[in-house]
Amino acid sequence: MADAVTCALPNQNTPQGYYNIERMLRSVVSKGGLVKACGTCAAARGLKDLTLIEGVEISTMSQLTQWTVESDKVLTF
């Protein structure tokens, strides 16, 4: 079972023609974007103590709630 929090793991090796989420996240971080991974999801998947992509942090539901309340737009998919 995959989870979005796994997108923040470094050293991804994707087949030719597939999106490389690590590269995409690094691009967001390099442009000053904030990327945070769900702490509950990371703990549930055994990822909480693993090294994530530089610039990505484990976060909380409180932080997500704060971002949602402060946002002009919220996208879900």
N, C-alpha and C. Protein backbone atom coordinates (compact mmCIF):
# COMPACT_ATOMS: atom_id res chain seq x y z
N MET A 1 0.84 -1.17 0.00
CA MET A 1 0.00 0.00 0.00
C MET A 1 0.89 1.24 0.00
N ALA A 2 0.64 2.15 -0.89
CA ALA A 2 1.41 3.38 -0.97
C ALA A 2 0.64 4.51 -0.28
N ASP A 3 1.35 5.50 0.11
CA ASP A 3 0.79 6.63 0.81
C ASP A 3 1.56 7.86 0.34
N ALA A 4 0.94 9.01 0.33
CA ALA A 4 1.60 10.22 -0.15
C ALA A 4 2.87 10.53 0.63
N VAL A 5 2.94 10.14 1.89
CA VAL A 5 4.13 10.45 2.68
C VAL A 5 5.36 9.75 2.11
N THR A 6 5.19 8.64 1.39
CA THR A 6 6.34 7.96 0.78
C THR A 6 6.95 8.79 -0.34
N CYS A 7 6.25 9.77 -0.83
CA CYS A 7 6.78 10.65 -1.88
C CYS A 7 7.96 11.46 -1.40
N ALA A 8 8.10 11.62 -0.09
CA ALA A 8 9.17 12.45 0.46
C ALA A 8 10.43 11.65 0.79
N LEU A 9 10.47 10.39 0.40
CA LEU A 9 11.68 9.60 0.63
C LEU A 9 12.70 9.89 -0.46
N PRO A 10 13.97 10.02 -0.08
CA PRO A 10 15.01 10.33 -1.07
C PRO A 10 15.43 9.10 -1.87
N ASN A 11 16.19 9.35 -2.92
CA ASN A 11 16.81 8.32 -3.77
C ASN A 11 15.80 7.47 -4.53
N GLN A 12 14.77 8.12 -5.02
CA GLN A 12 13.77 7.40 -5.80
C GLN A 12 14.35 7.04 -7.17
N ASN A 13 14.02 5.86 -7.62
CA ASN A 13 14.50 5.38 -8.91
C ASN A 13 13.29 4.99 -9.74
N THR A 14 12.78 5.93 -10.50
CA THR A 14 11.59 5.67 -11.29
C THR A 14 11.96 5.26 -12.71
N PRO A 15 11.16 4.39 -13.31
CA PRO A 15 11.43 3.98 -14.69
C PRO A 15 11.33 5.16 -15.65
N GLN A 16 12.02 5.07 -16.76
CA GLN A 16 11.98 6.10 -17.79
C GLN A 16 10.52 6.38 -18.18
N GLY A 17 10.17 7.66 -18.24
CA GLY A 17 8.83 8.04 -18.63
C GLY A 17 7.86 8.22 -17.48
N TYR A 18 8.27 7.85 -16.26
CA TYR A 18 7.42 8.02 -15.09
C TYR A 18 7.79 9.31 -14.37
N TYR A 19 6.82 9.90 -13.70
CA TYR A 19 7.09 11.08 -12.89
C TYR A 19 8.00 10.72 -11.74
N ASN A 20 8.94 11.59 -11.43
CA ASN A 20 9.80 11.41 -10.27
C ASN A 20 9.37 12.44 -9.23
N ILE A 21 8.60 11.98 -8.25
CA ILE A 21 8.04 12.88 -7.24
C ILE A 21 9.14 13.52 -6.41
N GLU A 22 10.23 12.81 -6.17
CA GLU A 22 11.34 13.39 -5.41
C GLU A 22 11.85 14.65 -6.11
N ARG A 23 12.05 14.56 -7.44
CA ARG A 23 12.52 15.73 -8.20
C ARG A 23 11.52 16.87 -8.11
N MET A 24 10.24 16.53 -8.20
CA MET A 24 9.20 17.56 -8.12
C MET A 24 9.20 18.25 -6.76
N LEU A 25 9.30 17.47 -5.69
CA LEU A 25 9.32 18.06 -4.35
C LEU A 25 10.57 18.91 -4.15
N ARG A 26 11.70 18.43 -4.63
CA ARG A 26 12.94 19.23 -4.51
C ARG A 26 12.78 20.58 -5.24
N SER A 27 12.10 20.56 -6.36
CA SER A 27 11.87 21.79 -7.11
C SER A 27 11.01 22.76 -6.30
N VAL A 28 9.98 22.25 -5.68
CA VAL A 28 9.12 23.10 -4.84
C VAL A 28 9.93 23.71 -3.70
N VAL A 29 10.71 22.88 -3.01
CA VAL A 29 11.51 23.35 -1.88
C VAL A 29 12.55 24.38 -2.34
N SER A 30 13.18 24.14 -3.49
CA SER A 30 14.22 25.06 -3.98
C SER A 30 13.66 26.43 -4.33
N LYS A 31 12.35 26.49 -4.59
CA LYS A 31 11.71 27.77 -4.91
C LYS A 31 11.05 28.41 -3.69
N GLY A 32 11.37 27.86 -2.50
CA GLY A 32 10.86 28.44 -1.27
C GLY A 32 9.53 27.87 -0.80
N GLY A 33 9.03 26.86 -1.48
CA GLY A 33 7.78 26.24 -1.06
C GLY A 33 7.96 25.41 0.20
N LEU A 34 6.92 25.33 0.99
CA LEU A 34 6.95 24.52 2.19
C LEU A 34 6.32 23.16 1.88
N VAL A 35 7.02 22.10 2.25
CA VAL A 35 6.52 20.75 2.05
C VAL A 35 6.58 20.04 3.39
N LYS A 36 5.44 19.57 3.84
CA LYS A 36 5.39 18.87 5.12
C LYS A 36 4.65 17.55 4.92
N ALA A 37 5.14 16.53 5.59
CA ALA A 37 4.54 15.20 5.50
C ALA A 37 3.72 14.94 6.76
N CYS A 38 2.63 14.24 6.61
CA CYS A 38 1.74 13.92 7.72
C CYS A 38 2.47 13.02 8.72
N GLY A 39 2.60 13.49 9.95
CA GLY A 39 3.27 12.72 10.99
C GLY A 39 2.54 11.43 11.32
N THR A 40 1.22 11.47 11.34
CA THR A 40 0.43 10.27 11.63
C THR A 40 0.64 9.22 10.55
N CYS A 41 0.63 9.65 9.28
CA CYS A 41 0.84 8.73 8.16
C CYS A 41 2.26 8.16 8.20
N ALA A 42 3.24 9.01 8.49
CA ALA A 42 4.63 8.56 8.54
C ALA A 42 4.82 7.51 9.64
N ALA A 43 4.22 7.74 10.80
CA ALA A 43 4.33 6.79 11.91
C ALA A 43 3.65 5.47 11.56
N ALA A 44 2.48 5.55 10.94
CA ALA A 44 1.73 4.35 10.59
C ALA A 44 2.47 3.49 9.57
N ARG A 45 3.28 4.12 8.71
CA ARG A 45 4.01 3.39 7.67
C ARG A 45 5.44 3.06 8.09
N GLY A 46 5.80 3.38 9.33
CA GLY A 46 7.16 3.10 9.80
C GLY A 46 8.20 4.04 9.22
N LEU A 47 7.78 5.24 8.81
CA LEU A 47 8.68 6.17 8.15
C LEU A 47 9.09 7.35 9.04
N LYS A 48 8.53 7.45 10.22
CA LYS A 48 8.73 8.64 11.04
C LYS A 48 10.20 8.92 11.34
N ASP A 49 11.01 7.89 11.48
CA ASP A 49 12.41 8.08 11.82
C ASP A 49 13.34 8.01 10.61
N LEU A 50 12.78 7.89 9.40
CA LEU A 50 13.61 7.84 8.20
C LEU A 50 13.97 9.25 7.74
N THR A 51 15.06 9.36 7.03
CA THR A 51 15.48 10.63 6.47
C THR A 51 14.59 10.95 5.27
N LEU A 52 14.04 12.15 5.27
CA LEU A 52 13.22 12.61 4.16
C LEU A 52 14.06 13.50 3.25
N ILE A 53 13.50 13.84 2.11
CA ILE A 53 14.15 14.77 1.19
C ILE A 53 14.48 16.05 1.96
N GLU A 54 15.66 16.61 1.72
CA GLU A 54 16.06 17.83 2.39
C GLU A 54 15.02 18.92 2.17
N GLY A 55 14.59 19.54 3.26
CA GLY A 55 13.59 20.60 3.18
C GLY A 55 12.18 20.13 3.49
N VAL A 56 11.97 18.81 3.53
CA VAL A 56 10.65 18.26 3.87
C VAL A 56 10.66 17.90 5.35
N GLU A 57 9.60 18.29 6.05
CA GLU A 57 9.51 18.04 7.49
C GLU A 57 8.27 17.23 7.81
N ILE A 58 8.35 16.46 8.89
CA ILE A 58 7.17 15.80 9.43
C ILE A 58 6.33 16.88 10.11
N SER A 59 5.03 16.83 9.91
CA SER A 59 4.16 17.84 10.47
C SER A 59 3.01 17.21 11.25
N THR A 60 2.03 18.02 11.56
CA THR A 60 0.90 17.59 12.39
C THR A 60 -0.43 17.97 11.74
N MET A 61 -1.49 17.40 12.24
CA MET A 61 -2.83 17.77 11.77
C MET A 61 -3.13 19.22 12.14
N SER A 62 -2.60 19.69 13.25
CA SER A 62 -2.80 21.09 13.64
C SER A 62 -2.21 22.03 12.59
N GLN A 63 -1.02 21.70 12.07
CA GLN A 63 -0.38 22.52 11.02
C GLN A 63 -1.21 22.49 9.75
N LEU A 64 -1.70 21.31 9.37
CA LEU A 64 -2.54 21.20 8.18
C LEU A 64 -3.80 22.04 8.35
N THR A 65 -4.40 21.97 9.51
CA THR A 65 -5.60 22.77 9.79
C THR A 65 -5.29 24.25 9.67
N GLN A 66 -4.16 24.67 10.23
CA GLN A 66 -3.76 26.08 10.15
C GLN A 66 -3.57 26.51 8.71
N TRP A 67 -2.87 25.71 7.91
CA TRP A 67 -2.66 26.04 6.49
C TRP A 67 -3.99 26.13 5.76
N THR A 68 -4.91 25.21 6.05
CA THR A 68 -6.20 25.18 5.38
C THR A 68 -7.00 26.44 5.70
N VAL A 69 -7.04 26.81 6.97
CA VAL A 69 -7.78 28.00 7.39
C VAL A 69 -7.19 29.26 6.77
N GLU A 70 -5.87 29.33 6.67
CA GLU A 70 -5.19 30.53 6.15
C GLU A 70 -5.20 30.61 4.62
N SER A 71 -5.53 29.52 3.94
CA SER A 71 -5.45 29.47 2.48
C SER A 71 -6.60 30.20 1.79
N ASP A 72 -6.27 30.80 0.65
CA ASP A 72 -7.31 31.39 -0.20
C ASP A 72 -8.06 30.31 -0.94
N LYS A 73 -7.34 29.24 -1.31
CA LYS A 73 -7.93 28.12 -2.05
C LYS A 73 -7.38 26.82 -1.48
N VAL A 74 -8.21 25.80 -1.47
CA VAL A 74 -7.78 24.48 -1.04
C VAL A 74 -8.19 23.50 -2.15
N LEU A 75 -7.21 22.75 -2.63
CA LEU A 75 -7.46 21.76 -3.68
C LEU A 75 -7.39 20.37 -3.08
N THR A 76 -8.31 19.53 -3.49
CA THR A 76 -8.27 18.12 -3.10
C THR A 76 -8.41 17.27 -4.33
N PHE A 77 -7.82 16.12 -4.29
CA PHE A 77 -7.95 15.19 -5.42
C PHE A 77 -7.75 13.79 -4.93
